[in-house]
Amino acid sequence: MTGKSYAKIAIVGLVIGLAIALCASFAKYRSEQSFIDGAENGFGIDGMYVSDGATGTSMAILAGEDMEWQICNGDGSCLSGRLAATSDPNSFDLLDNDGADCGSVHLSYASRDGMDGILYVSHETDDFKMRRTNRAPAFIEE
């Protein structure tokens, strides 16, 4: 090979390397912007959450018009009610079916695609750290 061939290969390699670096930088920027937007305007809280503990507790949240929530324990017993917005777009008060305050939830993180998230629940029955398992909530009819 001649010197010109090596120079062309080096230039092509450099261009490909720069393109990869630029794409990675843009992906990181989008991820950071998504996190900032969620912190300022609220992550999507809808979904199914499961407790990190051994209790088998799960929680369904549907933050649409009805702002519904339901906590189900490992024994199959469920409590449900409505969410009430707070000044923090990622925190909500839990109201029981009679409208009485019975706890709160705080979504500390949600991924851009909504498939991952961490929810802290403080309920009059217990406190939980929960992980999102699905974006679609599933409620148990009693």
C-alpha atoms as a PDB file:
ATOM      1  CA  MET A   1       0.000   0.000   0.000  1.00  0.00           C
ATOM      2  CA  THR A   2       1.092   3.488  -0.637  1.00  0.00           C
ATOM      3  CA  GLY A   3       1.193   6.416   1.723  1.00  0.00           C
ATOM      4  CA  LYS A   4      -1.952   7.850   0.151  1.00  0.00           C
ATOM      5  CA  SER A   5      -3.910   4.657   0.884  1.00  0.00           C
ATOM      6  CA  TYR A   6      -2.915   4.771   4.568  1.00  0.00           C
ATOM      7  CA  ALA A   7      -3.913   8.429   4.729  1.00  0.00           C
ATOM      8  CA  LYS A   8      -7.348   7.659   3.224  1.00  0.00           C
ATOM      9  CA  ILE A   9      -7.915   4.802   5.689  1.00  0.00           C
ATOM     10  CA  ALA A  10      -6.882   7.049   8.577  1.00  0.00           C
ATOM     11  CA  ILE A  11      -9.224   9.834   7.443  1.00  0.00           C
ATOM     12  CA  VAL A  12     -12.167   7.437   7.008  1.00  0.00           C
ATOM     13  CA  GLY A  13     -11.470   5.964  10.463  1.00  0.00           C
ATOM     14  CA  LEU A  14     -11.318   9.417  11.995  1.00  0.00           C
ATOM     15  CA  VAL A  15     -14.613  10.448  10.373  1.00  0.00           C
ATOM     16  CA  ILE A  16     -16.334   7.268  11.602  1.00  0.00           C
ATOM     17  CA  GLY A  17     -14.933   7.797  15.110  1.00  0.00           C
ATOM     18  CA  LEU A  18     -16.159  11.393  15.185  1.00  0.00           C
ATOM     19  CA  ALA A  19     -19.618  10.329  13.971  1.00  0.00           C
ATOM     20  CA  ILE A  20     -19.889   7.722  16.738  1.00  0.00           C
ATOM     21  CA  ALA A  21     -18.752  10.237  19.370  1.00  0.00           C
ATOM     22  CA  LEU A  22     -21.276  12.798  18.126  1.00  0.00           C
ATOM     23  CA  CYS A  23     -24.141  10.267  18.247  1.00  0.00           C
ATOM     24  CA  ALA A  24     -23.188   9.197  21.790  1.00  0.00           C
ATOM     25  CA  SER A  25     -23.005  12.817  22.902  1.00  0.00           C
ATOM     26  CA  PHE A  26     -26.444  13.564  21.449  1.00  0.00           C
ATOM     27  CA  ALA A  27     -27.971  10.498  23.154  1.00  0.00           C
ATOM     28  CA  LYS A  28     -26.542  11.590  26.512  1.00  0.00           C
ATOM     29  CA  TYR A  29     -27.899  15.115  25.994  1.00  0.00           C
ATOM     30  CA  ARG A  30     -31.394  13.765  25.221  1.00  0.00           C
ATOM     31  CA  SER A  31     -31.303  11.585  28.317  1.00  0.00           C
ATOM     32  CA  GLU A  32     -30.253  14.499  30.526  1.00  0.00           C
ATOM     33  CA  GLN A  33     -32.933  16.760  29.008  1.00  0.00           C
ATOM     34  CA  SER A  34     -35.567  14.076  29.601  1.00  0.00           C
ATOM     35  CA  PHE A  35     -34.558  13.833  33.254  1.00  0.00           C
ATOM     36  CA  ILE A  36     -34.602  17.611  33.698  1.00  0.00           C
ATOM     37  CA  ASP A  37     -38.013  17.870  32.019  1.00  0.00           C
ATOM     38  CA  GLY A  38     -39.402  15.113  34.258  1.00  0.00           C
ATOM     39  CA  ALA A  39     -38.044  16.774  37.388  1.00  0.00           C
ATOM     40  CA  GLU A  40     -39.543  20.141  36.427  1.00  0.00           C
ATOM     41  CA  ASN A  41     -42.851  19.069  34.863  1.00  0.00           C
ATOM     42  CA  GLY A  42     -43.430  15.618  36.299  1.00  0.00           C
ATOM     43  CA  PHE A  43     -42.525  12.130  35.168  1.00  0.00           C
ATOM     44  CA  GLY A  44     -45.415  10.018  33.950  1.00  0.00           C
ATOM     45  CA  ILE A  45     -46.612   8.239  37.104  1.00  0.00           C
ATOM     46  CA  ASP A  46     -49.108   5.840  35.475  1.00  0.00           C
ATOM     47  CA  GLY A  47     -48.178   2.201  35.859  1.00  0.00           C
ATOM     48  CA  MET A  48     -47.676  -0.851  38.022  1.00  0.00           C
ATOM     49  CA  TYR A  49     -45.183  -0.826  40.862  1.00  0.00           C
ATOM     50  CA  VAL A  50     -43.860  -3.667  43.027  1.00  0.00           C
ATOM     51  CA  SER A  51     -42.279  -3.383  46.463  1.00  0.00           C
ATOM     52  CA  ASP A  52     -38.570  -4.088  46.818  1.00  0.00           C
ATOM     53  CA  GLY A  53     -39.318  -5.883  50.078  1.00  0.00           C
ATOM     54  CA  ALA A  54     -40.538  -9.389  50.758  1.00  0.00           C
ATOM     55  CA  THR A  55     -44.114  -8.246  51.462  1.00  0.00           C
ATOM     56  CA  GLY A  56     -45.340  -8.808  47.901  1.00  0.00           C
ATOM     57  CA  THR A  57     -47.029  -5.402  47.894  1.00  0.00           C
ATOM     58  CA  SER A  58     -47.975  -3.917  44.531  1.00  0.00           C
ATOM     59  CA  MET A  59     -49.468  -0.580  43.532  1.00  0.00           C
ATOM     60  CA  ALA A  60     -51.410   0.501  40.472  1.00  0.00           C
ATOM     61  CA  ILE A  61     -51.656   4.203  39.583  1.00  0.00           C
ATOM     62  CA  LEU A  62     -53.775   5.773  36.862  1.00  0.00           C
ATOM     63  CA  ALA A  63     -53.231   9.533  36.867  1.00  0.00           C
ATOM     64  CA  GLY A  64     -55.846  10.364  34.225  1.00  0.00           C
ATOM     65  CA  GLU A  65     -59.111  12.150  34.947  1.00  0.00           C
ATOM     66  CA  ASP A  66     -59.988   9.941  37.915  1.00  0.00           C
ATOM     67  CA  MET A  67     -56.485   9.957  39.480  1.00  0.00           C
ATOM     68  CA  GLU A  68     -56.903   6.426  40.885  1.00  0.00           C
ATOM     69  CA  TRP A  69     -54.554   4.304  43.003  1.00  0.00           C
ATOM     70  CA  GLN A  70     -54.711   0.820  44.498  1.00  0.00           C
ATOM     71  CA  ILE A  71     -52.310  -0.964  46.863  1.00  0.00           C
ATOM     72  CA  CYS A  72     -52.564  -4.752  47.094  1.00  0.00           C
ATOM     73  CA  ASN A  73     -50.770  -6.768  49.751  1.00  0.00           C
ATOM     74  CA  GLY A  74     -49.309 -10.230  49.337  1.00  0.00           C
ATOM     75  CA  ASP A  75     -52.380 -11.721  51.033  1.00  0.00           C
ATOM     76  CA  GLY A  76     -54.646 -10.317  48.300  1.00  0.00           C
ATOM     77  CA  SER A  77     -56.202  -7.529  50.359  1.00  0.00           C
ATOM     78  CA  CYS A  78     -56.419  -4.189  48.523  1.00  0.00           C
ATOM     79  CA  LEU A  79     -56.887  -0.552  49.459  1.00  0.00           C
ATOM     80  CA  SER A  80     -57.782   2.073  46.885  1.00  0.00           C
ATOM     81  CA  GLY A  81     -58.598   5.713  46.471  1.00  0.00           C
ATOM     82  CA  ARG A  82     -57.737   8.881  44.588  1.00  0.00           C
ATOM     83  CA  LEU A  83     -54.562  10.940  44.095  1.00  0.00           C
ATOM     84  CA  ALA A  84     -54.435  14.639  44.949  1.00  0.00           C
ATOM     85  CA  ALA A  85     -51.831  16.827  43.227  1.00  0.00           C
ATOM     86  CA  THR A  86     -49.299  18.787  45.299  1.00  0.00           C
ATOM     87  CA  SER A  87     -46.960  21.655  44.392  1.00  0.00           C
ATOM     88  CA  ASP A  88     -44.317  19.039  43.422  1.00  0.00           C
ATOM     89  CA  PRO A  89     -45.278  17.550  40.032  1.00  0.00           C
ATOM     90  CA  ASN A  90     -43.829  14.177  41.100  1.00  0.00           C
ATOM     91  CA  SER A  91     -45.571  13.972  44.498  1.00  0.00           C
ATOM     92  CA  PHE A  92     -49.187  13.196  45.213  1.00  0.00           C
ATOM     93  CA  ASP A  93     -51.274  12.812  48.341  1.00  0.00           C
ATOM     94  CA  LEU A  94     -53.196   9.559  48.713  1.00  0.00           C
ATOM     95  CA  LEU A  95     -56.856   9.978  49.581  1.00  0.00           C
ATOM     96  CA  ASP A  96     -59.031   7.026  50.564  1.00  0.00           C
ATOM     97  CA  ASN A  97     -62.447   6.446  48.975  1.00  0.00           C
ATOM     98  CA  ASP A  98     -64.013   8.804  51.560  1.00  0.00           C
ATOM     99  CA  GLY A  99     -61.569  11.596  50.631  1.00  0.00           C
ATOM    100  CA  ALA A 100     -59.491  11.355  53.821  1.00  0.00           C
ATOM    101  CA  ASP A 101     -55.714  11.761  53.574  1.00  0.00           C
ATOM    102  CA  CYS A 102     -54.035   8.378  54.078  1.00  0.00           C
ATOM    103  CA  GLY A 103     -50.503   8.885  52.748  1.00  0.00           C
ATOM    104  CA  SER A 104     -48.404  10.124  49.878  1.00  0.00           C
ATOM    105  CA  VAL A 105     -46.354   8.950  46.904  1.00  0.00           C
ATOM    106  CA  HIS A 106     -43.245  10.437  45.322  1.00  0.00           C
ATOM    107  CA  LEU A 107     -41.947   9.318  41.934  1.00  0.00           C
ATOM    108  CA  SER A 108     -38.254  10.026  42.298  1.00  0.00           C
ATOM    109  CA  TYR A 109     -37.234   8.784  38.866  1.00  0.00           C
ATOM    110  CA  ALA A 110     -38.719   7.462  35.630  1.00  0.00           C
ATOM    111  CA  SER A 111     -36.859   6.493  32.494  1.00  0.00           C
ATOM    112  CA  ARG A 112     -37.567   8.268  29.231  1.00  0.00           C
ATOM    113  CA  ASP A 113     -39.442   5.264  27.845  1.00  0.00           C
ATOM    114  CA  GLY A 114     -41.438   4.972  31.075  1.00  0.00           C
ATOM    115  CA  MET A 115     -40.507   1.340  31.679  1.00  0.00           C
ATOM    116  CA  ASP A 116     -38.332   1.985  34.724  1.00  0.00           C
ATOM    117  CA  GLY A 117     -39.034   4.101  37.756  1.00  0.00           C
ATOM    118  CA  ILE A 118     -38.737   4.332  41.532  1.00  0.00           C
ATOM    119  CA  LEU A 119     -41.754   5.248  43.639  1.00  0.00           C
ATOM    120  CA  TYR A 120     -41.659   5.978  47.360  1.00  0.00           C
ATOM    121  CA  VAL A 121     -44.972   5.314  49.097  1.00  0.00           C
ATOM    122  CA  SER A 122     -45.854   6.455  52.580  1.00  0.00           C
ATOM    123  CA  HIS A 123     -49.209   4.918  53.525  1.00  0.00           C
ATOM    124  CA  GLU A 124     -50.843   4.664  56.922  1.00  0.00           C
ATOM    125  CA  THR A 125     -50.263   0.888  56.720  1.00  0.00           C
ATOM    126  CA  ASP A 126     -46.518   1.027  55.897  1.00  0.00           C
ATOM    127  CA  ASP A 127     -43.761   2.745  53.890  1.00  0.00           C
ATOM    128  CA  PHE A 128     -42.553   1.189  50.644  1.00  0.00           C
ATOM    129  CA  LYS A 129     -39.908   1.648  47.987  1.00  0.00           C
ATOM    130  CA  MET A 130     -41.361   0.343  44.743  1.00  0.00           C
ATOM    131  CA  ARG A 131     -40.068  -0.233  41.224  1.00  0.00           C
ATOM    132  CA  ARG A 132     -42.156   0.239  38.110  1.00  0.00           C
ATOM    133  CA  THR A 133     -42.828  -3.022  36.315  1.00  0.00           C
ATOM    134  CA  ASN A 134     -45.188  -1.795  33.599  1.00  0.00           C
ATOM    135  CA  ARG A 135     -46.529   1.484  32.215  1.00  0.00           C
ATOM    136  CA  ALA A 136     -50.100   0.146  32.180  1.00  0.00           C
ATOM    137  CA  PRO A 137     -51.760  -0.133  35.599  1.00  0.00           C
ATOM    138  CA  ALA A 138     -53.859  -3.197  36.466  1.00  0.00           C
ATOM    139  CA  PHE A 139     -56.559  -2.776  39.086  1.00  0.00           C
ATOM    140  CA  ILE A 140     -58.190  -5.650  40.968  1.00  0.00           C
ATOM    141  CA  GLU A 141     -61.978  -5.429  41.085  1.00  0.00           C
ATOM    142  CA  GLU A 142     -63.338  -6.167  44.509  1.00  0.00           C
END
